[in-house]
């Protein structure tokens, strides 16, 4: 009984709010998977810890992030080709601190979503 006397502190971070909302929406609309675009993978890891009832497609432009996410429960990481998800430079260029490359954001969000849907189909996470 003593364990129940301690109140668990609720995480009020933006990442936690996003994860909770994604799980709730996935449950409400009976989604087949959750798609997350991520740089470092922290939000995807948080979502994975909650053991959602659907797989998580994690799209990251960084090889190391994708590799680490491959070890997480229910996560299917994907490393997109340059420019296919709005990332126009290679990973090596992003970390070239001697001559930094400032990337202009892609305005074609529809193309980004179409590519994410194609990946989910390719990985077998969805059927249509």
Protein backbone atom coordinates (compact mmCIF):
# COMPACT_ATOMS: atom_id res chain seq x y z
CA UNK A 1 0.00 0.00 0.00
CA UNK A 2 2.87 2.35 0.63
CA UNK A 3 3.79 2.37 -3.06
CA UNK A 4 0.39 3.80 -3.92
CA UNK A 5 0.79 6.75 -1.56
CA UNK A 6 3.40 8.38 -3.79
CA UNK A 7 1.88 10.33 -6.63
CA UNK A 8 3.59 9.82 -9.95
CA UNK A 9 4.67 13.13 -11.42
CA UNK A 10 3.10 13.69 -14.82
CA UNK A 11 5.51 14.56 -17.60
CA UNK A 12 4.30 17.85 -19.08
CA UNK A 13 6.92 18.11 -21.82
CA UNK A 14 5.88 18.83 -25.42
CA UNK A 15 7.31 15.43 -26.47
CA UNK A 16 5.11 13.61 -23.99
CA UNK A 17 2.05 15.55 -25.15
CA UNK A 18 2.79 14.59 -28.77
CA UNK A 19 3.25 10.93 -27.86
CA UNK A 20 0.03 10.80 -25.85
CA UNK A 21 -1.91 12.55 -28.63
CA UNK A 22 -0.49 10.21 -31.30
CA UNK A 23 -1.48 7.13 -29.29
CA UNK A 24 -4.96 8.50 -28.62
CA UNK A 25 -5.51 9.44 -32.27
CA UNK A 26 -4.20 6.07 -33.47
CA UNK A 27 -6.64 4.33 -31.14
CA UNK A 28 -9.58 6.59 -32.07
CA UNK A 29 -9.20 6.25 -35.85
CA UNK A 30 -7.96 2.65 -35.68
CA UNK A 31 -4.73 3.60 -37.43
CA UNK A 32 -2.46 0.83 -38.65
CA UNK A 33 0.72 2.63 -37.63
CA UNK A 34 2.17 5.84 -36.23
CA UNK A 35 4.62 7.76 -38.43
CA UNK A 36 7.19 9.99 -36.79
CA UNK A 37 9.78 12.20 -38.46
CA UNK A 38 12.71 12.46 -36.09
CA UNK A 39 16.23 13.81 -35.89
CA UNK A 40 17.52 12.40 -32.61
CA UNK A 41 14.79 9.82 -31.95
CA UNK A 42 13.84 10.95 -28.44
CA UNK A 43 10.11 11.27 -29.13
CA UNK A 44 10.04 7.92 -30.93
CA UNK A 45 11.79 6.28 -27.97
CA UNK A 46 9.24 7.80 -25.61
CA UNK A 47 6.40 6.51 -27.80
CA UNK A 48 7.99 3.06 -27.90
CA UNK A 49 8.27 2.91 -24.11
CA UNK A 50 4.49 3.28 -23.91
CA UNK A 51 4.10 0.07 -25.98
CA UNK A 52 1.48 1.42 -28.41
CA UNK A 53 -0.83 -1.11 -30.02
CA UNK A 54 0.43 -0.17 -33.51
CA UNK A 55 3.94 -0.10 -34.98
CA UNK A 56 5.90 3.14 -35.21
CA UNK A 57 7.53 4.10 -38.51
CA UNK A 58 10.45 6.36 -37.56
CA UNK A 59 11.91 8.39 -40.42
CA UNK A 60 15.27 9.98 -39.69
CA UNK A 61 17.94 11.45 -41.95
CA UNK A 62 20.67 10.18 -39.61
CA UNK A 63 22.11 6.67 -39.88
CA UNK A 64 23.05 6.48 -36.21
CA UNK A 65 19.57 7.51 -35.07
CA UNK A 66 17.98 4.90 -37.37
CA UNK A 67 20.34 2.21 -36.08
CA UNK A 68 19.60 3.01 -32.44
CA UNK A 69 15.85 3.09 -33.06
CA UNK A 70 16.03 -0.37 -34.65
CA UNK A 71 16.61 -1.73 -31.13
CA UNK A 72 13.39 -0.21 -29.76
CA UNK A 73 10.14 -2.09 -29.25
CA UNK A 74 7.70 -1.74 -32.14
CA UNK A 75 9.85 0.76 -34.06
CA UNK A 76 10.60 0.39 -37.77
CA UNK A 77 13.25 2.99 -38.63
CA UNK A 78 13.83 4.25 -42.14
CA UNK A 79 16.69 6.29 -43.54
CA UNK A 80 15.27 8.36 -46.42
CA UNK A 81 17.13 9.24 -49.58
CA UNK A 82 18.28 12.85 -49.73
CA UNK A 83 15.44 15.23 -50.66
CA UNK A 84 12.74 12.54 -50.42
CA UNK A 85 11.50 13.88 -47.08
CA UNK A 86 12.53 17.50 -47.33
CA UNK A 87 16.13 16.81 -46.27
CA UNK A 88 18.26 18.15 -49.11
CA UNK A 89 21.74 17.47 -47.76
CA UNK A 90 23.61 14.34 -46.74
CA UNK A 91 24.35 13.55 -43.12
CA UNK A 92 28.06 14.24 -43.59
CA UNK A 93 27.30 17.73 -44.88
CA UNK A 94 25.08 18.50 -41.89
CA UNK A 95 28.00 17.95 -39.52
CA UNK A 96 30.64 19.78 -41.55
CA UNK A 97 31.29 22.53 -39.01
CA UNK A 98 34.06 24.15 -41.05
CA UNK A 99 31.68 25.07 -43.86
CA UNK A 100 28.12 24.78 -42.52
CA UNK A 101 25.34 24.22 -45.02
CA UNK A 102 22.09 26.00 -44.20
CA UNK A 103 19.21 24.06 -45.64
CA UNK A 104 16.07 25.74 -46.90
CA UNK A 105 12.91 23.99 -45.76
CA UNK A 106 10.92 22.08 -48.33
CA UNK A 107 7.45 23.49 -48.96
CA UNK A 108 6.03 20.31 -50.46
CA UNK A 109 4.62 18.66 -47.35
CA UNK A 110 2.22 16.58 -49.48
CA UNK A 111 5.22 14.89 -51.13
CA UNK A 112 6.70 14.19 -47.72
CA UNK A 113 3.46 12.54 -46.57
CA UNK A 114 3.14 10.53 -49.80
CA UNK A 115 6.68 9.22 -49.34
CA UNK A 116 5.91 8.27 -45.74
CA UNK A 117 2.82 6.35 -46.89
CA UNK A 118 4.87 4.54 -49.55
CA UNK A 119 7.42 3.53 -46.91
CA UNK A 120 4.72 2.20 -44.61
CA UNK A 121 3.35 0.12 -47.50
CA UNK A 122 6.82 -1.10 -48.45
CA UNK A 123 7.55 -2.21 -44.88
CA UNK A 124 4.18 -3.97 -44.65
CA UNK A 125 2.92 -1.78 -41.82
CA UNK A 126 -0.24 -0.90 -43.78
CA UNK A 127 -2.11 -2.59 -46.59
CA UNK A 128 -3.79 0.32 -48.32
